[in-house]
Amino acid sequence: MLVSAILASALGFIDGSILAIAMPALRADLGASLAEAQWISNAYALTLSALILAGGAAGDRFGLRRAFVTGIALFIAASLACAVAPDPAILIAFRAIQGIGAAIMVPGSLAIIAKAYPKKERGRAIGIWAAASALTTALGPVLGGFVLTTFGNGVWRAIFAINLPLGLISIYLLLAKLPADKPTEKRSLDLGGAALATLAFGLLAYGLTAMNAEGGGMLSTPAIVAGVVLLFVFIAYERWQRDPMIDLGLFRIRAFAGANLATFFLYFALSANLFYLPMLLIAGWRLSEAEVGFIFLPLSALIALLSGPVGQWSDRIGPRFPIACGSMVVAIAFAGLALLTHFGIHNFWTGTFPLMALMGLGMAQVVSPLSTAVMTSVEDKDT
């Protein structure tokens, strides 16, 4: 079961990391603007973040195995559609559908671990999950960069086709190893909350993206304001719901609220860095995709090598100290990258590469403890 969870999570990780390397080639092939490139990335993240809690509830409502398999199948079907997309608009649409599949798939992978392991062993299991997931993605950008450099920009479409064999293997293992389970709860899906969250996050994403887009600046402020208003409407709606998508009472638990806040800031910074840095190195510094592919190697490799031991360490001493230490190391790495950019130091191998390794060292200390902190801070019925 752990292998199925690892493969399913690897689908999303591989997709995102190789896509960052391929974005300059994708833009050149499809004639995509910077704003469209941002939406190719954002469409997936938007539907994933807005619907992930509803996706977790789907596992309770329809059964974990059924929901998990459905999410993987939807993800790989959308991936194949992305592989043949003729223009940026269609690619953005199917990236959004990929996010819907991932919103069902991702919580299922952690739910399988939560059901299979007792609380005292979850840190180790989550550490193995994080390590193996990172290991499966470590070579992805390297190989992707090599293939793009060797065979040309048009081969970026193969990035999405990679999801087909991985997804089919994961589905086979699930059907073969995970017995059919009955729904644990008959609660209704909070479709109204999911719609409000999607609209709110969508308006905020559009407003922030349009701020620097030609002709979009006038619409950015109204979109951001409308998004903030809808967020408050969403919170009020969730308080009123009998079966809310988000149990807001969980945020009264300090460990749960703190771990989620730390996760938001860490991955917000990491995602922005991994979106813009490859484009800067390829389009600005004129490095090859093969060279830039190595930028992900120390990050993924260190997470893969250290997440298991860090998970066991976190089980013994608690997640607070590893999270604090790792966050500080990541902050130092980001500060170093900012200084390199500020002073115009264009040295990849002695500047950018070691700082990405430092970032990987920090992230390896937080990935497993953060997940463990969230999963162990609430009752099993809320995982």
Protein backbone atom coordinates (compact mmCIF):
# COMPACT_ATOMS: atom_id res chain seq x y z
CA MET A 1 0.00 0.00 0.00
CA LEU A 2 2.89 2.32 0.77
CA VAL A 3 4.25 1.77 -2.75
CA SER A 4 0.89 2.83 -4.25
CA ALA A 5 0.88 5.98 -2.11
CA ILE A 6 4.45 6.77 -3.19
CA LEU A 7 3.71 6.30 -6.90
CA ALA A 8 0.56 8.40 -6.73
CA SER A 9 2.34 11.30 -5.01
CA ALA A 10 5.27 10.95 -7.43
CA LEU A 11 2.89 11.70 -10.32
CA GLY A 12 2.33 15.24 -9.09
CA PHE A 13 5.95 15.83 -8.07
CA ILE A 14 7.42 14.66 -11.38
CA ASP A 15 4.89 16.69 -13.32
CA GLY A 16 5.71 19.89 -11.48
CA SER A 17 9.49 19.59 -11.37
CA ILE A 18 9.99 18.63 -15.03
CA LEU A 19 7.43 21.24 -16.14
CA ALA A 20 9.56 23.95 -14.52
CA ILE A 21 12.53 22.89 -16.66
CA ALA A 22 10.40 22.61 -19.81
CA MET A 23 8.54 25.93 -19.40
CA PRO A 24 10.87 27.96 -21.69
CA ALA A 25 10.56 25.27 -24.40
CA LEU A 26 6.80 25.08 -23.88
CA ARG A 27 6.45 28.86 -24.20
CA ALA A 28 8.48 28.88 -27.40
CA ASP A 29 6.53 25.99 -28.94
CA LEU A 30 3.03 27.24 -28.05
CA GLY A 31 3.80 30.97 -28.20
CA ALA A 32 2.68 31.40 -24.57
CA SER A 33 3.09 34.73 -22.79
CA LEU A 34 4.54 34.95 -19.27
CA ALA A 35 1.01 35.36 -17.87
CA GLU A 36 -0.13 32.23 -19.74
CA ALA A 37 2.93 30.35 -18.45
CA GLN A 38 1.98 31.35 -14.92
CA TRP A 39 -1.55 30.04 -15.49
CA ILE A 40 -0.23 26.75 -16.88
CA SER A 41 1.38 26.36 -13.46
CA ASN A 42 -1.36 28.05 -11.43
CA ALA A 43 -4.35 26.22 -12.93
CA TYR A 44 -3.13 22.93 -11.47
CA ALA A 45 -2.24 24.43 -8.09
CA LEU A 46 -5.52 26.36 -7.94
CA THR A 47 -7.88 23.41 -8.34
CA LEU A 48 -5.66 21.19 -6.21
CA SER A 49 -5.59 23.62 -3.27
CA ALA A 50 -9.27 24.57 -3.55
CA LEU A 51 -10.59 21.00 -3.80
CA ILE A 52 -8.11 18.93 -1.79
CA LEU A 53 -10.29 18.91 1.32
CA ALA A 54 -13.36 17.95 -0.69
CA GLY A 55 -11.19 15.22 -2.26
CA GLY A 56 -10.34 13.91 1.20
CA ALA A 57 -14.04 13.89 2.11
CA ALA A 58 -14.74 11.91 -1.09
CA GLY A 59 -12.63 9.08 0.33
CA ASP A 60 -14.84 9.01 3.43
CA ARG A 61 -18.03 9.31 1.40
CA PHE A 62 -17.37 6.75 -1.36
CA GLY A 63 -14.58 4.60 0.06
CA LEU A 64 -10.84 5.23 0.04
CA ARG A 65 -9.90 2.77 -2.70
CA ARG A 66 -12.66 3.89 -5.08
CA ALA A 67 -11.88 7.58 -4.62
CA PHE A 68 -8.10 7.06 -4.90
CA VAL A 69 -8.38 5.05 -8.13
CA THR A 70 -10.82 7.62 -9.58
CA GLY A 71 -8.41 10.47 -8.79
CA ILE A 72 -5.46 8.70 -10.43
CA ALA A 73 -7.51 7.80 -13.51
CA LEU A 74 -8.71 11.40 -13.92
CA PHE A 75 -5.15 12.68 -13.47
CA ILE A 76 -3.61 10.45 -16.14
CA ALA A 77 -6.49 11.10 -18.58
CA ALA A 78 -5.97 14.87 -18.19
CA SER A 79 -2.20 14.35 -18.55
CA LEU A 80 -2.67 12.69 -21.95
CA ALA A 81 -4.89 15.59 -23.02
CA CYS A 82 -2.16 18.05 -21.90
CA ALA A 83 0.35 16.11 -24.04
CA VAL A 84 -1.61 16.90 -27.22
CA ALA A 85 -2.81 20.42 -26.32
CA PRO A 86 -2.55 22.67 -29.42
CA ASP A 87 -2.49 26.03 -27.60
CA PRO A 88 -1.98 27.53 -24.13
CA ALA A 89 -5.73 27.93 -23.37
CA ILE A 90 -6.46 24.22 -23.83
CA LEU A 91 -3.34 23.27 -21.88
CA ILE A 92 -4.45 25.52 -19.00
CA ALA A 93 -7.93 23.91 -19.01
CA PHE A 94 -6.56 20.37 -18.78
CA ARG A 95 -3.99 21.41 -16.18
CA ALA A 96 -6.97 22.49 -14.06
CA ILE A 97 -8.54 19.04 -14.57
CA GLN A 98 -5.24 17.47 -13.56
CA GLY A 99 -5.53 19.44 -10.34
CA ILE A 100 -9.01 18.02 -9.70
CA GLY A 101 -7.64 14.49 -10.06
CA ALA A 102 -4.71 15.33 -7.78
CA ALA A 103 -7.12 16.80 -5.19
CA ILE A 104 -8.67 13.34 -4.86
CA MET A 105 -5.37 11.48 -5.21
CA VAL A 106 -3.06 13.35 -2.82
CA PRO A 107 -5.15 13.12 0.38
CA GLY A 108 -5.78 9.46 -0.46
CA SER A 109 -2.06 8.69 -0.36
CA LEU A 110 -1.67 10.09 3.16
CA ALA A 111 -4.98 8.56 4.27
CA ILE A 112 -3.67 5.12 3.29
CA ILE A 113 -0.59 5.70 5.47
CA ALA A 114 -2.77 6.99 8.34
CA LYS A 115 -4.95 3.86 8.22
CA ALA A 116 -2.06 1.43 7.79
CA TYR A 117 0.23 2.69 10.59
CA PRO A 118 -0.41 3.60 14.25
CA LYS A 119 0.40 7.14 15.38
CA LYS A 120 3.78 6.21 16.90
CA GLU A 121 4.99 4.76 13.59
CA ARG A 122 3.55 7.35 11.21
CA GLY A 123 6.59 9.61 11.36
CA ARG A 124 8.77 6.80 10.03
CA ALA A 125 6.18 5.79 7.40
CA ILE A 126 5.71 9.39 6.26
CA GLY A 127 9.50 9.76 6.17
CA ILE A 128 9.77 6.73 3.87
CA TRP A 129 6.92 8.12 1.75
CA ALA A 130 8.65 11.52 1.48
CA ALA A 131 12.05 9.98 0.79
CA ALA A 132 10.82 7.56 -1.87
CA SER A 133 8.64 10.23 -3.50
CA ALA A 134 11.62 12.57 -3.69
CA LEU A 135 13.83 9.79 -5.01
CA THR A 136 11.38 9.00 -7.83
CA THR A 137 11.43 12.65 -8.86
CA ALA A 138 15.14 13.36 -8.35
CA LEU A 139 16.16 12.02 -11.76
CA GLY A 140 13.07 13.41 -13.53
CA PRO A 141 14.32 16.96 -14.14
CA VAL A 142 17.84 15.74 -14.90
CA LEU A 143 16.60 13.30 -17.53
CA GLY A 144 14.04 15.85 -18.75
CA GLY A 145 16.73 18.47 -19.19
CA PHE A 146 18.96 16.01 -21.03
CA VAL A 147 16.13 14.95 -23.36
CA LEU A 148 15.16 18.59 -24.12
CA THR A 149 18.78 19.48 -24.85
CA THR A 150 19.32 16.39 -27.03
CA PHE A 151 16.04 16.13 -28.94
CA GLY A 152 14.78 19.71 -29.04
CA ASN A 153 12.01 21.80 -27.54
CA GLY A 154 9.09 19.89 -29.09
CA VAL A 155 9.68 16.87 -26.84
CA TRP A 156 8.20 18.73 -23.83
CA ARG A 157 4.89 16.97 -24.57
CA ALA A 158 6.41 13.68 -23.39
CA ILE A 159 6.53 15.14 -19.86
CA PHE A 160 2.79 14.63 -19.50
CA ALA A 161 2.81 11.19 -21.15
CA ILE A 162 5.17 9.91 -18.41
CA ASN A 163 2.20 9.94 -16.03
CA LEU A 164 0.44 7.12 -17.92
CA PRO A 165 2.67 4.15 -16.95
CA LEU A 166 3.17 5.41 -13.38
CA GLY A 167 -0.57 5.91 -12.93
CA LEU A 168 -1.47 2.50 -14.35
CA ILE A 169 1.06 0.75 -12.08
CA SER A 170 -0.35 2.59 -9.06
CA ILE A 171 -3.93 1.64 -9.98
CA TYR A 172 -2.92 -2.02 -10.43
CA LEU A 173 -1.21 -2.14 -7.02
CA LEU A 174 -4.19 -0.50 -5.35
CA LEU A 175 -6.68 -2.93 -6.85
CA ALA A 176 -4.43 -5.91 -6.10
CA LYS A 177 -3.25 -5.03 -2.59
CA LEU A 178 -5.84 -2.72 -1.03
CA PRO A 179 -9.12 -4.46 -0.16
CA ALA A 180 -12.32 -2.69 -1.09
CA ASP A 181 -13.38 -0.56 1.85
CA LYS A 182 -16.80 0.68 2.81
CA PRO A 183 -17.43 4.40 3.20
CA THR A 184 -16.56 5.43 6.75
CA GLU A 185 -19.04 8.31 6.79
CA LYS A 186 -22.23 9.15 4.94
CA ARG A 187 -21.60 12.87 5.13
CA SER A 188 -22.40 14.94 2.08
CA LEU A 189 -19.74 16.56 -0.05
CA ASP A 190 -19.48 20.29 0.53
CA LEU A 191 -19.78 21.30 -3.13
CA GLY A 192 -20.86 24.84 -2.22
CA GLY A 193 -17.72 25.35 -0.13
CA ALA A 194 -15.57 23.88 -2.88
CA ALA A 195 -17.09 26.25 -5.44
CA LEU A 196 -16.59 29.30 -3.18
CA ALA A 197 -12.97 28.32 -2.45
CA THR A 198 -12.24 27.80 -6.15
CA LEU A 199 -13.75 31.18 -7.09
CA ALA A 200 -11.95 32.99 -4.26
CA PHE A 201 -8.54 31.48 -5.01
CA GLY A 202 -9.11 31.90 -8.74
CA LEU A 203 -9.87 35.61 -8.42
CA LEU A 204 -6.87 36.14 -6.15
CA ALA A 205 -4.59 34.26 -8.55
CA TYR A 206 -5.95 36.19 -11.53
CA GLY A 207 -5.56 39.54 -9.76
CA LEU A 208 -1.97 38.85 -8.73
CA THR A 209 -1.06 37.51 -12.18
CA ALA A 210 -2.72 40.41 -14.01
CA MET A 211 -0.90 43.12 -12.04
CA ASN A 212 2.03 43.14 -14.46
CA ALA A 213 0.23 41.86 -17.54
CA GLU A 214 -0.34 44.24 -20.44
CA GLY A 215 -3.87 45.60 -20.23
CA GLY A 216 -4.68 43.60 -17.10
CA GLY A 217 -3.61 46.06 -14.43
CA MET A 218 -7.01 47.79 -14.25
CA LEU A 219 -8.72 44.48 -13.44
CA SER A 220 -6.22 43.23 -10.89
CA THR A 221 -7.40 45.30 -7.90
CA PRO A 222 -11.15 44.49 -8.31
CA ALA A 223 -10.26 40.79 -8.73
CA ILE A 224 -8.15 40.77 -5.56
CA VAL A 225 -10.84 42.61 -3.57
CA ALA A 226 -13.53 40.22 -4.83
CA GLY A 227 -11.32 37.25 -3.96
CA VAL A 228 -10.80 38.50 -0.38
CA VAL A 229 -14.55 39.13 0.04
CA LEU A 230 -15.31 35.62 -1.22
CA LEU A 231 -12.80 34.18 1.25
CA PHE A 232 -14.77 35.75 4.10
CA VAL A 233 -18.00 34.47 2.56
CA PHE A 234 -16.42 31.02 2.36
CA ILE A 235 -15.43 31.12 6.05
CA ALA A 236 -18.96 32.20 7.06
CA TYR A 237 -20.47 29.50 4.84
CA GLU A 238 -18.26 26.81 6.37
CA ARG A 239 -19.31 27.83 9.88
CA TRP A 240 -22.94 27.39 8.87
CA GLN A 241 -22.51 24.00 7.17
CA ARG A 242 -23.36 20.77 9.03
CA ASP A 243 -20.66 18.86 7.09
CA PRO A 244 -18.12 21.58 6.18
CA MET A 245 -15.23 21.07 3.80
CA ILE A 246 -12.98 22.61 6.47
CA ASP A 247 -13.64 22.03 10.15
CA LEU A 248 -12.55 25.48 11.29
CA GLY A 249 -12.50 24.25 14.88
CA LEU A 250 -9.32 22.31 14.07
CA PHE A 251 -7.45 25.60 13.80
CA ARG A 252 -7.94 26.07 17.54
CA ILE A 253 -5.38 23.26 17.92
CA ARG A 254 -2.06 25.12 18.07
CA ALA A 255 0.01 22.30 16.57
CA PHE A 256 -2.39 21.89 13.64
CA ALA A 257 -2.65 25.63 12.93
CA GLY A 258 1.10 26.20 13.29
CA ALA A 259 2.06 23.28 11.06
CA ASN A 260 -0.35 24.39 8.34
CA LEU A 261 0.89 27.99 8.51
CA ALA A 262 4.51 26.85 8.25
CA THR A 263 3.62 24.58 5.33
CA PHE A 264 1.93 27.46 3.51
CA PHE A 265 4.89 29.85 3.79
CA LEU A 266 7.55 27.24 2.99
CA TYR A 267 5.87 25.85 -0.09
CA PHE A 268 4.72 29.28 -1.28
CA ALA A 269 8.35 30.40 -1.37
CA LEU A 270 9.59 27.12 -2.82
CA SER A 271 6.99 27.07 -5.61
CA ALA A 272 7.77 30.65 -6.66
CA ASN A 273 11.49 29.87 -6.69
CA LEU A 274 11.10 26.71 -8.75
CA PHE A 275 8.85 28.51 -11.26
CA TYR A 276 11.05 31.52 -11.97
CA LEU A 277 14.58 30.18 -11.40
CA PRO A 278 14.67 27.73 -14.36
CA MET A 279 13.36 30.44 -16.72
CA LEU A 280 15.99 32.87 -15.43
CA LEU A 281 18.81 30.36 -15.90
CA ILE A 282 17.67 29.16 -19.35
CA ALA A 283 16.36 32.39 -20.91
CA GLY A 284 18.51 34.87 -18.96
CA TRP A 285 21.81 33.10 -18.35
CA ARG A 286 21.57 30.98 -21.54
CA LEU A 287 22.26 27.71 -19.76
CA SER A 288 21.10 24.45 -21.34
CA GLU A 289 18.10 22.53 -20.03
CA ALA A 290 20.46 19.67 -19.11
CA GLU A 291 22.50 21.96 -16.85
CA VAL A 292 19.43 23.51 -15.26
CA GLY A 293 17.94 20.04 -14.73
CA PHE A 294 20.64 19.47 -12.14
CA ILE A 295 19.23 22.31 -10.06
CA PHE A 296 16.60 19.92 -8.71
CA LEU A 297 19.02 17.08 -8.03
CA PRO A 298 20.48 18.25 -4.67
CA LEU A 299 17.03 19.37 -3.51
CA SER A 300 15.32 16.05 -4.27
CA ALA A 301 18.31 13.84 -3.42
CA LEU A 302 18.78 15.32 0.06
CA ILE A 303 15.06 15.01 0.80
CA ALA A 304 15.20 11.40 -0.39
CA LEU A 305 18.28 10.54 1.68
CA LEU A 306 17.35 12.33 4.90
CA SER A 307 13.55 12.22 5.21
CA GLY A 308 13.50 8.69 6.61
CA PRO A 309 16.07 9.34 9.39
CA VAL A 310 14.53 12.75 10.11
CA GLY A 311 11.08 11.11 10.41
CA GLN A 312 12.46 8.69 13.02
CA TRP A 313 14.23 11.56 14.80
CA SER A 314 10.96 13.51 14.82
CA ASP A 315 9.14 10.50 16.33
CA ARG A 316 11.63 10.49 19.22
CA ILE A 317 11.91 14.21 20.05
CA GLY A 318 8.79 15.69 18.45
CA PRO A 319 8.48 17.71 15.22
CA ARG A 320 9.02 21.22 16.65
CA PHE A 321 12.84 21.30 16.69
CA PRO A 322 13.39 19.73 13.22
CA ILE A 323 10.82 22.11 11.69
CA ALA A 324 12.45 25.17 13.30
CA CYS A 325 15.99 24.14 12.26
CA GLY A 326 14.97 23.21 8.72
CA SER A 327 13.00 26.42 8.22
CA MET A 328 16.02 28.49 9.29
CA VAL A 329 18.28 26.65 6.83
CA VAL A 330 15.76 27.17 3.99
CA ALA A 331 15.55 30.89 4.86
CA ILE A 332 19.35 31.19 4.68
CA ALA A 333 19.35 29.51 1.26
CA PHE A 334 16.69 31.91 -0.05
CA ALA A 335 18.64 34.87 1.33
CA GLY A 336 21.74 33.63 -0.49
CA LEU A 337 19.85 33.34 -3.78
CA ALA A 338 18.47 36.85 -3.30
CA LEU A 339 21.97 38.24 -2.72
CA LEU A 340 23.30 36.50 -5.84
CA THR A 341 20.53 38.08 -7.90
CA HIS A 342 20.96 41.51 -6.29
CA PHE A 343 24.70 41.65 -7.00
CA GLY A 344 24.37 40.07 -10.45
CA ILE A 345 26.56 37.06 -9.66
CA HIS A 346 25.83 34.63 -12.50
CA ASN A 347 27.75 31.63 -11.25
CA PHE A 348 25.70 28.46 -11.44
CA TRP A 349 28.04 25.78 -10.11
CA THR A 350 29.63 27.73 -7.24
CA GLY A 351 26.66 29.97 -6.43
CA THR A 352 23.19 28.70 -7.34
CA PHE A 353 23.87 24.96 -7.17
CA PRO A 354 25.29 24.84 -3.59
CA LEU A 355 22.50 27.12 -2.35
CA MET A 356 19.93 24.73 -3.82
CA ALA A 357 21.75 21.93 -1.98
CA LEU A 358 21.47 23.96 1.22
CA MET A 359 17.76 24.42 0.53
CA GLY A 360 17.43 20.66 0.08
CA LEU A 361 19.12 20.10 3.44
CA GLY A 362 16.61 22.42 5.10
CA MET A 363 13.57 20.98 3.32
CA ALA A 364 14.69 17.44 4.28
CA GLN A 365 14.36 18.51 7.92
CA VAL A 366 10.81 19.81 7.54
CA VAL A 367 8.97 17.65 4.95
CA SER A 368 8.37 14.62 7.17
CA PRO A 369 7.96 16.44 10.53
CA LEU A 370 5.43 18.90 9.04
CA SER A 371 3.30 16.09 7.62
CA THR A 372 3.60 14.15 10.88
CA ALA A 373 2.69 17.23 12.94
CA VAL A 374 -0.51 17.73 10.95
CA MET A 375 -1.49 14.04 10.92
CA THR A 376 -0.86 13.47 14.65
CA SER A 377 -2.34 16.73 15.95
CA VAL A 378 -5.92 15.61 15.19
CA GLU A 379 -8.01 12.53 15.83
CA ASP A 380 -7.85 9.66 13.34
CA LYS A 381 -11.36 10.46 12.08
CA ASP A 382 -10.12 13.90 10.95
CA THR A 383 -7.04 12.70 9.02
